Amino acid sequence: MDRDKITFALPKGRLLEDAVNLLYEVGIDARQTLEKTRKLIFENGKYKFILVKPMDVPTYVYYGAADVGIAGKDVIEEKGLDVYEPLDLKFGFCRLCVAEPERISEPYDIEKLSFIKVATKYPKITDKYFRSRGVHPEIIELYGSVEIAPLLGLTDRIVDLVQTGSTLRANGLKEVDTILVSTARLIVNRASLKTKYEMLKSFIESLRKIVVFEQI
């Protein structure tokens, strides 16, 4: 890793534009990452940006391929890696929810459940959540179109990320429990925090002022 540069792991998809805009407010121009290109690595002065899948951001930061990353709390919790998390960036609000068909024969009741069969791309969070409540989960891992699992009889329920709930409703599902409220977070490699302390401290404090100011 370059000692005179800060390398950022940025998530492709829904968080990217807000992440780039926030960085721009503190004088870090990552707008080239928004261009339609197959490139995944970009450089601008003393900053390097790598575009990765959202679920991979904590991995790149934890193993030191990136000094800093921006990832949803849902992703951070699912990966469970030891990264420093100094800031809630206050964008990308969503909920990790349990959902079931609107016309299910036995509606969800956590107090009466002893077993649940659920489809999700968050197996670790899902398993921990249900076991902490005395429920044994059978988890089927899916990484796309989780909403159709109940429609095809694969499972009765799903655990998935919800923003407006429109996709659930369009597929005849309803939210019945919230596991986690997620927002975008800043995460930092712990070794980088020592080797690039002054650079990262200045960046984090500048970002903190912007985030706090925008909440006033």
N, C-alpha and C. Protein backbone atom coordinates (compact mmCIF):
# COMPACT_ATOMS: atom_id res chain seq x y z
N MET A 1 0.85 -1.20 0.00
CA MET A 1 0.00 0.00 0.00
C MET A 1 0.88 1.25 0.00
N ASP A 2 0.49 2.24 -0.80
CA ASP A 2 1.25 3.48 -0.88
C ASP A 2 1.20 4.22 0.44
N ARG A 3 2.39 4.56 0.97
CA ARG A 3 2.43 5.24 2.27
C ARG A 3 2.08 6.71 2.17
N ASP A 4 2.18 7.28 0.96
CA ASP A 4 1.88 8.71 0.81
C ASP A 4 0.50 8.95 0.21
N LYS A 5 -0.29 7.89 0.10
CA LYS A 5 -1.65 8.01 -0.44
C LYS A 5 -2.65 7.39 0.51
N ILE A 6 -3.89 7.86 0.42
CA ILE A 6 -5.00 7.20 1.10
C ILE A 6 -5.79 6.45 0.04
N THR A 7 -5.97 5.16 0.26
CA THR A 7 -6.75 4.34 -0.67
C THR A 7 -8.14 4.10 -0.10
N PHE A 8 -9.14 4.41 -0.91
CA PHE A 8 -10.55 4.27 -0.51
C PHE A 8 -11.17 3.08 -1.23
N ALA A 9 -11.89 2.24 -0.49
CA ALA A 9 -12.74 1.21 -1.08
C ALA A 9 -14.16 1.77 -1.13
N LEU A 10 -14.67 1.96 -2.33
CA LEU A 10 -16.00 2.54 -2.49
C LEU A 10 -16.96 1.48 -3.04
N PRO A 11 -18.20 1.48 -2.54
CA PRO A 11 -19.15 0.44 -2.95
C PRO A 11 -19.85 0.77 -4.26
N LYS A 12 -19.86 -0.16 -5.17
CA LYS A 12 -20.67 0.00 -6.37
C LYS A 12 -22.14 0.04 -5.97
N GLY A 13 -22.96 0.64 -6.81
CA GLY A 13 -24.39 0.58 -6.54
C GLY A 13 -24.96 1.79 -5.82
N ARG A 14 -25.95 1.55 -4.96
CA ARG A 14 -26.81 2.61 -4.46
C ARG A 14 -26.11 3.61 -3.55
N LEU A 15 -25.01 3.23 -2.91
CA LEU A 15 -24.32 4.15 -1.99
C LEU A 15 -23.25 5.00 -2.67
N LEU A 16 -22.88 4.63 -3.88
CA LEU A 16 -21.70 5.25 -4.49
C LEU A 16 -21.85 6.75 -4.70
N GLU A 17 -22.93 7.19 -5.30
CA GLU A 17 -23.06 8.62 -5.62
C GLU A 17 -23.05 9.48 -4.36
N ASP A 18 -23.77 9.05 -3.32
CA ASP A 18 -23.76 9.81 -2.07
C ASP A 18 -22.38 9.81 -1.43
N ALA A 19 -21.68 8.70 -1.54
CA ALA A 19 -20.32 8.62 -0.98
C ALA A 19 -19.38 9.58 -1.70
N VAL A 20 -19.47 9.60 -3.02
CA VAL A 20 -18.63 10.50 -3.82
C VAL A 20 -18.95 11.96 -3.52
N ASN A 21 -20.23 12.28 -3.39
CA ASN A 21 -20.62 13.65 -3.08
C ASN A 21 -20.12 14.09 -1.72
N LEU A 22 -20.16 13.20 -0.75
CA LEU A 22 -19.69 13.52 0.59
C LEU A 22 -18.18 13.74 0.59
N LEU A 23 -17.45 12.90 -0.11
CA LEU A 23 -15.99 13.09 -0.21
C LEU A 23 -15.66 14.42 -0.88
N TYR A 24 -16.44 14.77 -1.88
CA TYR A 24 -16.20 16.02 -2.59
C TYR A 24 -16.35 17.23 -1.66
N GLU A 25 -17.25 17.13 -0.70
CA GLU A 25 -17.46 18.22 0.26
C GLU A 25 -16.25 18.45 1.16
N VAL A 26 -15.40 17.45 1.32
CA VAL A 26 -14.19 17.63 2.12
C VAL A 26 -12.95 17.75 1.23
N GLY A 27 -13.18 18.05 -0.05
CA GLY A 27 -12.06 18.33 -0.95
C GLY A 27 -11.42 17.13 -1.60
N ILE A 28 -12.10 15.98 -1.58
CA ILE A 28 -11.56 14.77 -2.22
C ILE A 28 -12.43 14.44 -3.42
N ASP A 29 -11.86 14.57 -4.60
CA ASP A 29 -12.62 14.43 -5.83
C ASP A 29 -12.53 13.00 -6.37
N ALA A 30 -13.62 12.26 -6.15
CA ALA A 30 -13.69 10.88 -6.65
C ALA A 30 -14.75 10.75 -7.74
N ARG A 31 -15.09 11.87 -8.37
CA ARG A 31 -16.20 11.85 -9.33
C ARG A 31 -15.92 10.98 -10.55
N GLN A 32 -14.66 10.72 -10.82
CA GLN A 32 -14.34 9.86 -11.96
C GLN A 32 -14.87 8.44 -11.78
N THR A 33 -15.11 8.04 -10.53
CA THR A 33 -15.65 6.70 -10.28
C THR A 33 -17.10 6.57 -10.73
N LEU A 34 -17.75 7.70 -11.00
CA LEU A 34 -19.15 7.68 -11.44
C LEU A 34 -19.26 7.57 -12.95
N GLU A 35 -18.15 7.70 -13.66
CA GLU A 35 -18.17 7.62 -15.11
C GLU A 35 -18.47 6.20 -15.57
N LYS A 36 -19.11 6.07 -16.71
CA LYS A 36 -19.41 4.75 -17.27
C LYS A 36 -18.15 4.17 -17.89
N THR A 37 -17.52 3.30 -17.17
CA THR A 37 -16.27 2.69 -17.61
C THR A 37 -16.11 1.35 -16.91
N ARG A 38 -15.25 0.51 -17.45
CA ARG A 38 -14.97 -0.78 -16.83
C ARG A 38 -13.82 -0.69 -15.83
N LYS A 39 -13.23 0.49 -15.73
CA LYS A 39 -12.13 0.66 -14.77
C LYS A 39 -12.62 0.47 -13.34
N LEU A 40 -11.76 -0.09 -12.51
CA LEU A 40 -12.09 -0.31 -11.11
C LEU A 40 -11.13 0.39 -10.16
N ILE A 41 -10.02 0.89 -10.68
CA ILE A 41 -9.03 1.60 -9.87
C ILE A 41 -8.80 2.98 -10.47
N PHE A 42 -8.87 4.01 -9.64
CA PHE A 42 -8.72 5.39 -10.08
C PHE A 42 -7.76 6.11 -9.14
N GLU A 43 -7.06 7.08 -9.67
CA GLU A 43 -6.15 7.87 -8.84
C GLU A 43 -6.36 9.35 -9.10
N ASN A 44 -6.23 10.13 -8.03
CA ASN A 44 -6.34 11.58 -8.13
C ASN A 44 -5.43 12.17 -7.06
N GLY A 45 -4.22 12.58 -7.47
CA GLY A 45 -3.27 13.13 -6.51
C GLY A 45 -2.87 12.13 -5.45
N LYS A 46 -3.07 12.49 -4.20
CA LYS A 46 -2.68 11.60 -3.10
C LYS A 46 -3.78 10.63 -2.69
N TYR A 47 -4.79 10.49 -3.56
CA TYR A 47 -5.89 9.58 -3.26
C TYR A 47 -6.04 8.51 -4.34
N LYS A 48 -6.34 7.32 -3.91
CA LYS A 48 -6.64 6.21 -4.82
C LYS A 48 -8.01 5.67 -4.45
N PHE A 49 -8.80 5.32 -5.47
CA PHE A 49 -10.14 4.82 -5.24
C PHE A 49 -10.30 3.48 -5.94
N ILE A 50 -10.83 2.49 -5.23
CA ILE A 50 -11.12 1.20 -5.84
C ILE A 50 -12.61 0.94 -5.70
N LEU A 51 -13.22 0.51 -6.80
CA LEU A 51 -14.64 0.21 -6.82
C LEU A 51 -14.82 -1.29 -6.62
N VAL A 52 -15.59 -1.66 -5.59
CA VAL A 52 -15.80 -3.07 -5.30
C VAL A 52 -17.27 -3.32 -4.96
N LYS A 53 -17.65 -4.57 -4.93
CA LYS A 53 -19.01 -4.90 -4.52
C LYS A 53 -19.21 -4.49 -3.06
N PRO A 54 -20.39 -3.99 -2.71
CA PRO A 54 -20.62 -3.51 -1.34
C PRO A 54 -20.21 -4.51 -0.26
N MET A 55 -20.51 -5.79 -0.46
CA MET A 55 -20.20 -6.79 0.55
C MET A 55 -18.69 -7.01 0.70
N ASP A 56 -17.91 -6.56 -0.27
CA ASP A 56 -16.45 -6.76 -0.22
C ASP A 56 -15.70 -5.59 0.41
N VAL A 57 -16.37 -4.47 0.64
CA VAL A 57 -15.67 -3.29 1.18
C VAL A 57 -14.96 -3.59 2.50
N PRO A 58 -15.63 -4.19 3.51
CA PRO A 58 -14.91 -4.47 4.76
C PRO A 58 -13.72 -5.41 4.58
N THR A 59 -13.81 -6.32 3.63
CA THR A 59 -12.70 -7.25 3.39
C THR A 59 -11.47 -6.52 2.88
N TYR A 60 -11.66 -5.62 1.92
CA TYR A 60 -10.53 -4.86 1.38
C TYR A 60 -9.91 -3.98 2.46
N VAL A 61 -10.74 -3.42 3.32
CA VAL A 61 -10.22 -2.57 4.40
C VAL A 61 -9.53 -3.41 5.47
N TYR A 62 -10.13 -4.49 5.88
CA TYR A 62 -9.56 -5.34 6.94
C TYR A 62 -8.18 -5.87 6.56
N TYR A 63 -8.04 -6.31 5.33
CA TYR A 63 -6.77 -6.91 4.89
C TYR A 63 -5.76 -5.88 4.38
N GLY A 64 -6.12 -4.60 4.41
CA GLY A 64 -5.16 -3.55 4.11
C GLY A 64 -5.01 -3.19 2.65
N ALA A 65 -5.86 -3.73 1.79
CA ALA A 65 -5.82 -3.31 0.39
C ALA A 65 -6.36 -1.89 0.24
N ALA A 66 -7.14 -1.47 1.20
CA ALA A 66 -7.64 -0.09 1.27
C ALA A 66 -7.47 0.41 2.69
N ASP A 67 -7.18 1.70 2.82
CA ASP A 67 -7.06 2.31 4.14
C ASP A 67 -8.43 2.59 4.74
N VAL A 68 -9.34 3.01 3.86
CA VAL A 68 -10.64 3.52 4.28
C VAL A 68 -11.71 2.92 3.38
N GLY A 69 -12.90 2.73 3.92
CA GLY A 69 -14.00 2.26 3.10
C GLY A 69 -15.30 2.90 3.54
N ILE A 70 -16.28 2.84 2.66
CA ILE A 70 -17.63 3.27 2.99
C ILE A 70 -18.55 2.08 2.73
N ALA A 71 -19.24 1.65 3.79
CA ALA A 71 -20.07 0.45 3.69
C ALA A 71 -21.31 0.61 4.55
N GLY A 72 -22.36 -0.09 4.17
CA GLY A 72 -23.57 -0.10 4.98
C GLY A 72 -23.35 -0.86 6.27
N LYS A 73 -24.07 -0.47 7.32
CA LYS A 73 -23.96 -1.16 8.60
C LYS A 73 -24.35 -2.62 8.46
N ASP A 74 -25.29 -2.92 7.57
CA ASP A 74 -25.70 -4.30 7.34
C ASP A 74 -24.53 -5.14 6.85
N VAL A 75 -23.74 -4.58 5.95
CA VAL A 75 -22.59 -5.29 5.40
C VAL A 75 -21.51 -5.47 6.47
N ILE A 76 -21.26 -4.42 7.24
CA ILE A 76 -20.24 -4.48 8.30
C ILE A 76 -20.59 -5.56 9.31
N GLU A 77 -21.86 -5.60 9.72
CA GLU A 77 -22.29 -6.59 10.69
C GLU A 77 -22.22 -8.01 10.12
N GLU A 78 -22.59 -8.16 8.86
CA GLU A 78 -22.57 -9.49 8.24
C GLU A 78 -21.15 -10.02 8.10
N LYS A 79 -20.22 -9.16 7.71
CA LYS A 79 -18.83 -9.61 7.53
C LYS A 79 -18.15 -9.86 8.87
N GLY A 80 -18.45 -9.05 9.87
CA GLY A 80 -17.93 -9.27 11.21
C GLY A 80 -16.42 -9.13 11.35
N LEU A 81 -15.80 -8.31 10.52
CA LEU A 81 -14.35 -8.13 10.55
C LEU A 81 -13.96 -6.98 11.48
N ASP A 82 -12.76 -7.05 12.02
CA ASP A 82 -12.30 -6.06 13.00
C ASP A 82 -11.75 -4.82 12.30
N VAL A 83 -12.64 -3.90 11.98
CA VAL A 83 -12.25 -2.63 11.39
C VAL A 83 -12.72 -1.51 12.32
N TYR A 84 -12.03 -0.38 12.25
CA TYR A 84 -12.40 0.79 13.05
C TYR A 84 -13.54 1.51 12.35
N GLU A 85 -14.59 1.83 13.11
CA GLU A 85 -15.79 2.45 12.54
C GLU A 85 -16.05 3.79 13.23
N PRO A 86 -15.40 4.87 12.76
CA PRO A 86 -15.50 6.14 13.48
C PRO A 86 -16.74 6.98 13.21
N LEU A 87 -17.41 6.75 12.07
CA LEU A 87 -18.49 7.67 11.71
C LEU A 87 -19.69 6.99 11.07
N ASP A 88 -20.86 7.42 11.54
CA ASP A 88 -22.11 7.14 10.83
C ASP A 88 -22.29 8.29 9.85
N LEU A 89 -22.34 7.99 8.56
CA LEU A 89 -22.36 9.03 7.53
C LEU A 89 -23.78 9.54 7.23
N LYS A 90 -24.77 8.94 7.82
CA LYS A 90 -26.15 9.46 7.80
C LYS A 90 -26.80 9.46 6.41
N PHE A 91 -26.34 8.57 5.53
CA PHE A 91 -27.09 8.39 4.28
C PHE A 91 -27.23 6.89 4.03
N GLY A 92 -28.04 6.54 3.02
CA GLY A 92 -28.26 5.14 2.71
C GLY A 92 -29.15 4.42 3.72
N PHE A 93 -30.11 5.15 4.29
CA PHE A 93 -31.00 4.54 5.29
C PHE A 93 -31.80 3.38 4.69
N CYS A 94 -31.82 2.27 5.39
CA CYS A 94 -32.64 1.13 5.01
C CYS A 94 -32.79 0.22 6.23
N ARG A 95 -33.62 -0.80 6.10
CA ARG A 95 -33.88 -1.71 7.21
C ARG A 95 -33.64 -3.14 6.75
N LEU A 96 -33.06 -3.93 7.63
CA LEU A 96 -32.96 -5.37 7.38
C LEU A 96 -34.14 -6.01 8.08
N CYS A 97 -35.05 -6.56 7.30
CA CYS A 97 -36.34 -6.99 7.84
C CYS A 97 -36.65 -8.45 7.56
N VAL A 98 -37.51 -8.99 8.41
CA VAL A 98 -38.14 -10.28 8.15
C VAL A 98 -39.43 -9.97 7.40
N ALA A 99 -39.68 -10.71 6.33
CA ALA A 99 -40.92 -10.52 5.57
C ALA A 99 -41.54 -11.88 5.26
N GLU A 100 -42.86 -11.86 5.09
CA GLU A 100 -43.59 -13.10 4.81
C GLU A 100 -44.74 -12.78 3.85
N PRO A 101 -45.33 -13.80 3.23
CA PRO A 101 -46.48 -13.56 2.34
C PRO A 101 -47.64 -12.91 3.10
N GLU A 102 -48.34 -12.02 2.43
CA GLU A 102 -49.45 -11.32 3.05
C GLU A 102 -50.55 -12.28 3.49
N ARG A 103 -50.66 -13.40 2.79
CA ARG A 103 -51.73 -14.37 3.11
C ARG A 103 -51.13 -15.69 3.60
N ILE A 104 -50.28 -15.63 4.55
CA ILE A 104 -49.68 -16.83 5.11
C ILE A 104 -50.63 -17.45 6.12
N SER A 105 -50.65 -18.77 6.20
CA SER A 105 -51.62 -19.45 7.07
C SER A 105 -51.33 -19.23 8.55
N GLU A 106 -50.04 -19.18 8.91
CA GLU A 106 -49.67 -18.94 10.30
C GLU A 106 -48.77 -17.71 10.36
N PRO A 107 -49.36 -16.53 10.62
CA PRO A 107 -48.58 -15.29 10.64
C PRO A 107 -47.44 -15.32 11.66
N TYR A 108 -46.44 -14.54 11.37
CA TYR A 108 -45.22 -14.48 12.18
C TYR A 108 -45.50 -14.07 13.63
N ASP A 109 -44.98 -14.84 14.56
CA ASP A 109 -45.07 -14.52 15.98
C ASP A 109 -43.81 -15.06 16.64
N ILE A 110 -42.84 -14.19 16.89
CA ILE A 110 -41.53 -14.61 17.40
C ILE A 110 -41.65 -15.35 18.72
N GLU A 111 -42.69 -15.03 19.50
CA GLU A 111 -42.87 -15.66 20.81
C GLU A 111 -43.32 -17.12 20.68
N LYS A 112 -43.93 -17.46 19.58
CA LYS A 112 -44.44 -18.82 19.39
C LYS A 112 -43.55 -19.69 18.51
N LEU A 113 -42.58 -19.07 17.86
CA LEU A 113 -41.71 -19.81 16.94
C LEU A 113 -40.66 -20.61 17.69
N SER A 114 -40.39 -21.81 17.21
CA SER A 114 -39.23 -22.56 17.68
C SER A 114 -38.31 -22.88 16.51
N PHE A 115 -38.85 -22.75 15.30
CA PHE A 115 -38.11 -23.05 14.07
C PHE A 115 -38.57 -22.09 12.98
N ILE A 116 -37.65 -21.70 12.13
CA ILE A 116 -38.02 -20.87 10.98
C ILE A 116 -37.13 -21.22 9.78
N LYS A 117 -37.73 -21.29 8.62
CA LYS A 117 -37.01 -21.53 7.37
C LYS A 117 -37.02 -20.22 6.60
N VAL A 118 -35.84 -19.69 6.33
CA VAL A 118 -35.77 -18.33 5.81
C VAL A 118 -34.69 -18.22 4.74
N ALA A 119 -34.99 -17.46 3.70
CA ALA A 119 -34.03 -17.19 2.63
C ALA A 119 -33.43 -15.80 2.83
N THR A 120 -32.13 -15.68 2.63
CA THR A 120 -31.46 -14.40 2.85
C THR A 120 -30.07 -14.40 2.26
N LYS A 121 -29.53 -13.20 2.05
CA LYS A 121 -28.11 -13.07 1.72
C LYS A 121 -27.33 -12.56 2.93
N TYR A 122 -27.97 -12.59 4.08
CA TYR A 122 -27.34 -12.19 5.34
C TYR A 122 -27.41 -13.36 6.34
N PRO A 123 -26.73 -14.47 6.06
CA PRO A 123 -26.87 -15.65 6.92
C PRO A 123 -26.36 -15.47 8.33
N LYS A 124 -25.27 -14.74 8.52
CA LYS A 124 -24.71 -14.58 9.86
C LYS A 124 -25.62 -13.73 10.75
N ILE A 125 -26.06 -12.59 10.24
CA ILE A 125 -26.96 -11.74 11.01
C ILE A 125 -28.26 -12.47 11.32
N THR A 126 -28.80 -13.15 10.31
CA THR A 126 -30.06 -13.86 10.47
C THR A 126 -29.95 -14.96 11.52
N ASP A 127 -28.90 -15.75 11.43
CA ASP A 127 -28.70 -16.84 12.40
C ASP A 127 -28.56 -16.30 13.82
N LYS A 128 -27.75 -15.27 13.98
CA LYS A 128 -27.54 -14.68 15.30
C LYS A 128 -28.83 -14.11 15.87
N TYR A 129 -29.59 -13.43 15.03
CA TYR A 129 -30.83 -12.79 15.48
C TYR A 129 -31.82 -13.82 16.01
N PHE A 130 -32.07 -14.86 15.23
CA PHE A 130 -33.08 -15.83 15.64
C PHE A 130 -32.62 -16.69 16.81
N ARG A 131 -31.35 -17.09 16.80
CA ARG A 131 -30.86 -17.91 17.91
C ARG A 131 -30.87 -17.14 19.23
N SER A 132 -30.65 -15.83 19.17
CA SER A 132 -30.69 -15.03 20.39
C SER A 132 -32.09 -14.96 20.98
N ARG A 133 -33.07 -15.32 20.17
CA ARG A 133 -34.47 -15.32 20.62
C ARG A 133 -35.02 -16.72 20.79
N GLY A 134 -34.12 -17.70 20.82
CA GLY A 134 -34.52 -19.08 21.07
C GLY A 134 -35.17 -19.77 19.90
N VAL A 135 -34.95 -19.25 18.70
CA VAL A 135 -35.54 -19.83 17.49
C VAL A 135 -34.44 -20.48 16.66
N HIS A 136 -34.66 -21.69 16.22
CA HIS A 136 -33.68 -22.38 15.38
C HIS A 136 -33.97 -22.07 13.91
N PRO A 137 -33.05 -21.39 13.21
CA PRO A 137 -33.31 -21.06 11.81
C PRO A 137 -32.66 -22.05 10.83
N GLU A 138 -33.41 -22.42 9.83
CA GLU A 138 -32.82 -23.09 8.67
C GLU A 138 -32.66 -22.02 7.61
N ILE A 139 -31.42 -21.73 7.25
CA ILE A 139 -31.14 -20.59 6.38
C ILE A 139 -30.75 -21.07 4.99
N ILE A 140 -31.43 -20.55 4.00
CA ILE A 140 -31.09 -20.81 2.60
C ILE A 140 -30.49 -19.53 2.04
N GLU A 141 -29.24 -19.60 1.64
CA GLU A 141 -28.55 -18.41 1.14
C GLU A 141 -28.89 -18.15 -0.33
N LEU A 142 -29.37 -16.96 -0.59
CA LEU A 142 -29.65 -16.50 -1.95
C LEU A 142 -29.01 -15.14 -2.14
N TYR A 143 -28.58 -14.84 -3.36
CA TYR A 143 -27.89 -13.58 -3.59
C TYR A 143 -28.54 -12.75 -4.70
N GLY A 144 -29.78 -13.04 -4.97
CA GLY A 144 -30.55 -12.24 -5.91
C GLY A 144 -31.99 -12.68 -5.89
N SER A 145 -32.91 -11.73 -6.08
CA SER A 145 -34.35 -12.03 -6.13
C SER A 145 -34.81 -12.86 -4.95
N VAL A 146 -34.40 -12.45 -3.75
CA VAL A 146 -34.78 -13.18 -2.54
C VAL A 146 -36.30 -13.18 -2.37
N GLU A 147 -36.96 -12.13 -2.88
CA GLU A 147 -38.41 -11.98 -2.67
C GLU A 147 -39.22 -13.13 -3.27
N ILE A 148 -38.68 -13.81 -4.27
CA ILE A 148 -39.49 -14.85 -4.91
C ILE A 148 -39.43 -16.18 -4.18
N ALA A 149 -38.55 -16.31 -3.19
CA ALA A 149 -38.42 -17.58 -2.47
C ALA A 149 -39.75 -18.07 -1.88
N PRO A 150 -40.52 -17.21 -1.19
CA PRO A 150 -41.81 -17.68 -0.66
C PRO A 150 -42.83 -17.98 -1.77
N LEU A 151 -42.74 -17.25 -2.87
CA LEU A 151 -43.68 -17.45 -3.97
C LEU A 151 -43.50 -18.82 -4.61
N LEU A 152 -42.28 -19.34 -4.55
CA LEU A 152 -41.97 -20.64 -5.16
C LEU A 152 -41.95 -21.77 -4.15
N GLY A 153 -42.30 -21.46 -2.90
CA GLY A 153 -42.34 -22.48 -1.87
C GLY A 153 -40.98 -22.90 -1.33
N LEU A 154 -39.95 -22.12 -1.65
CA LEU A 154 -38.61 -22.45 -1.16
C LEU A 154 -38.51 -22.23 0.34
N THR A 155 -39.07 -21.10 0.80
CA THR A 155 -39.16 -20.80 2.23
C THR A 155 -40.48 -20.09 2.48
N ASP A 156 -40.85 -19.98 3.75
CA ASP A 156 -42.04 -19.21 4.10
C ASP A 156 -41.72 -17.74 4.30
N ARG A 157 -40.46 -17.47 4.69
CA ARG A 157 -40.08 -16.10 5.03
C ARG A 157 -38.71 -15.76 4.46
N ILE A 158 -38.44 -14.46 4.40
CA ILE A 158 -37.14 -13.97 3.94
C ILE A 158 -36.61 -12.95 4.93
N VAL A 159 -35.31 -12.74 4.91
CA VAL A 159 -34.69 -11.60 5.58
C VAL A 159 -33.96 -10.82 4.51
N ASP A 160 -34.35 -9.58 4.31
CA ASP A 160 -33.76 -8.81 3.22
C ASP A 160 -33.74 -7.33 3.56
N LEU A 161 -32.96 -6.59 2.79
CA LEU A 161 -32.83 -5.15 2.97
C LEU A 161 -34.02 -4.46 2.32
N VAL A 162 -34.62 -3.53 3.07
CA VAL A 162 -35.83 -2.83 2.60
C VAL A 162 -35.60 -1.32 2.69
N GLN A 163 -35.96 -0.61 1.62
CA GLN A 163 -35.93 0.85 1.66
C GLN A 163 -37.35 1.39 1.73
N THR A 164 -38.10 1.23 0.67
CA THR A 164 -39.48 1.74 0.66
C THR A 164 -40.51 0.63 0.90
N GLY A 165 -40.12 -0.60 0.66
CA GLY A 165 -41.06 -1.72 0.80
C GLY A 165 -41.84 -2.01 -0.46
N SER A 166 -41.62 -1.23 -1.52
CA SER A 166 -42.40 -1.40 -2.76
C SER A 166 -42.14 -2.75 -3.43
N THR A 167 -40.89 -3.22 -3.39
CA THR A 167 -40.58 -4.52 -4.00
C THR A 167 -41.27 -5.65 -3.25
N LEU A 168 -41.30 -5.55 -1.92
CA LEU A 168 -42.01 -6.56 -1.14
C LEU A 168 -43.49 -6.58 -1.52
N ARG A 169 -44.10 -5.41 -1.55
CA ARG A 169 -45.54 -5.33 -1.85
C ARG A 169 -45.84 -5.85 -3.25
N ALA A 170 -44.95 -5.55 -4.19
CA ALA A 170 -45.16 -5.99 -5.57
C ALA A 170 -45.13 -7.51 -5.68
N ASN A 171 -44.49 -8.16 -4.70
CA ASN A 171 -44.40 -9.62 -4.72
C ASN A 171 -45.25 -10.27 -3.63
N GLY A 172 -46.22 -9.51 -3.12
CA GLY A 172 -47.17 -10.06 -2.18
C GLY A 172 -46.61 -10.35 -0.80
N LEU A 173 -45.58 -9.60 -0.40
CA LEU A 173 -44.96 -9.80 0.90
C LEU A 173 -45.18 -8.59 1.80
N LYS A 174 -45.04 -8.81 3.10
CA LYS A 174 -45.15 -7.73 4.07
C LYS A 174 -44.06 -7.86 5.12
N GLU A 175 -43.61 -6.72 5.65
CA GLU A 175 -42.63 -6.71 6.74
C GLU A 175 -43.30 -7.14 8.03
N VAL A 176 -42.59 -7.99 8.80
CA VAL A 176 -43.16 -8.42 10.07
C VAL A 176 -42.19 -8.22 11.25
N ASP A 177 -40.95 -7.92 10.96
CA ASP A 177 -39.98 -7.70 12.03
C ASP A 177 -38.78 -6.95 11.46
N THR A 178 -38.19 -6.10 12.27
CA THR A 178 -36.98 -5.38 11.86
C THR A 178 -35.80 -5.88 12.68
N ILE A 179 -34.77 -6.33 11.99
CA ILE A 179 -33.57 -6.85 12.65
C ILE A 179 -32.55 -5.75 12.87
N LEU A 180 -32.41 -4.87 11.88
CA LEU A 180 -31.33 -3.89 11.92
C LEU A 180 -31.72 -2.68 11.08
N VAL A 181 -31.45 -1.49 11.60
CA VAL A 181 -31.56 -0.26 10.81
C VAL A 181 -30.15 0.09 10.34
N SER A 182 -29.99 0.26 9.04
CA SER A 182 -28.65 0.43 8.47
C SER A 182 -28.47 1.79 7.82
N THR A 183 -27.29 2.37 8.00
CA THR A 183 -26.86 3.56 7.26
C THR A 183 -25.42 3.34 6.81
N ALA A 184 -24.95 4.18 5.93
CA ALA A 184 -23.56 4.09 5.47
C ALA A 184 -22.62 4.50 6.60
N ARG A 185 -21.52 3.77 6.74
CA ARG A 185 -20.53 4.06 7.78
C ARG A 185 -19.14 4.20 7.15
N LEU A 186 -18.30 4.98 7.81
CA LEU A 186 -16.89 5.06 7.45
C LEU A 186 -16.15 3.99 8.23
N ILE A 187 -15.35 3.18 7.54
CA ILE A 187 -14.53 2.19 8.23
C ILE A 187 -13.07 2.39 7.85
N VAL A 188 -12.17 2.06 8.77
CA VAL A 188 -10.74 2.33 8.59
C VAL A 188 -9.93 1.11 9.00
N ASN A 189 -8.91 0.81 8.24
CA ASN A 189 -7.97 -0.26 8.58
C ASN A 189 -7.18 0.15 9.82
N ARG A 190 -7.09 -0.74 10.80
CA ARG A 190 -6.46 -0.39 12.08
C ARG A 190 -4.96 -0.15 11.96
N ALA A 191 -4.29 -0.86 11.08
CA ALA A 191 -2.86 -0.63 10.87
C ALA A 191 -2.62 0.71 10.19
N SER A 192 -3.47 1.04 9.21
CA SER A 192 -3.35 2.33 8.52
C SER A 192 -3.55 3.49 9.48
N LEU A 193 -4.40 3.27 10.48
CA LEU A 193 -4.66 4.33 11.46
C LEU A 193 -3.39 4.70 12.22
N LYS A 194 -2.46 3.76 12.30
CA LYS A 194 -1.19 4.03 12.97
C LYS A 194 -0.14 4.56 11.98
N THR A 195 -0.03 3.92 10.81
CA THR A 195 1.02 4.31 9.86
C THR A 195 0.71 5.59 9.11
N LYS A 196 -0.58 5.93 8.99
CA LYS A 196 -0.99 7.15 8.29
C LYS A 196 -1.84 8.03 9.22
N TYR A 197 -1.44 8.07 10.45
CA TYR A 197 -2.26 8.68 11.49
C TYR A 197 -2.65 10.12 11.18
N GLU A 198 -1.70 10.97 10.83
CA GLU A 198 -2.00 12.39 10.62
C GLU A 198 -2.93 12.59 9.44
N MET A 199 -2.66 11.89 8.34
CA MET A 199 -3.51 12.01 7.15
C MET A 199 -4.94 11.56 7.45
N LEU A 200 -5.07 10.42 8.10
CA LEU A 200 -6.39 9.88 8.36
C LEU A 200 -7.13 10.66 9.44
N LYS A 201 -6.40 11.13 10.45
CA LYS A 201 -7.03 11.93 11.49
C LYS A 201 -7.63 13.19 10.90
N SER A 202 -6.87 13.87 10.05
CA SER A 202 -7.35 15.09 9.41
C SER A 202 -8.59 14.83 8.55
N PHE A 203 -8.54 13.74 7.78
CA PHE A 203 -9.67 13.38 6.92
C PHE A 203 -10.91 13.07 7.74
N ILE A 204 -10.76 12.25 8.78
CA ILE A 204 -11.90 11.85 9.60
C ILE A 204 -12.55 13.06 10.28
N GLU A 205 -11.72 13.96 10.80
CA GLU A 205 -12.26 15.14 11.48
C GLU A 205 -12.97 16.07 10.50
N SER A 206 -12.42 16.21 9.30
CA SER A 206 -13.08 17.05 8.28
C SER A 206 -14.44 16.46 7.91
N LEU A 207 -14.46 15.15 7.76
CA LEU A 207 -15.70 14.46 7.41
C LEU A 207 -16.71 14.56 8.55
N ARG A 208 -16.23 14.44 9.77
CA ARG A 208 -17.11 14.52 10.94
C ARG A 208 -17.82 15.88 10.98
N LYS A 209 -17.08 16.96 10.70
CA LYS A 209 -17.67 18.30 10.72
C LYS A 209 -18.77 18.44 9.68
N ILE A 210 -18.56 17.87 8.51
CA ILE A 210 -19.55 17.94 7.45
C ILE A 210 -20.81 17.17 7.85
N VAL A 211 -20.61 15.96 8.36
CA VAL A 211 -21.76 15.12 8.73
C VAL A 211 -22.56 15.76 9.85
N VAL A 212 -21.88 16.29 10.86
CA VAL A 212 -22.56 16.94 11.99
C VAL A 212 -23.28 18.20 11.53
N PHE A 213 -22.63 18.99 10.70
CA PHE A 213 -23.23 20.23 10.19
C PHE A 213 -24.50 19.95 9.42
N GLU A 214 -24.50 18.90 8.58
CA GLU A 214 -25.66 18.61 7.76
C GLU A 214 -26.84 18.09 8.57
N GLN A 215 -26.58 17.68 9.83
CA GLN A 215 -27.66 17.19 10.68
C GLN A 215 -28.30 18.31 11.50
N ILE A 216 -27.65 19.49 11.54
CA ILE A 216 -28.17 20.61 12.34
C ILE A 216 -29.37 21.27 11.62
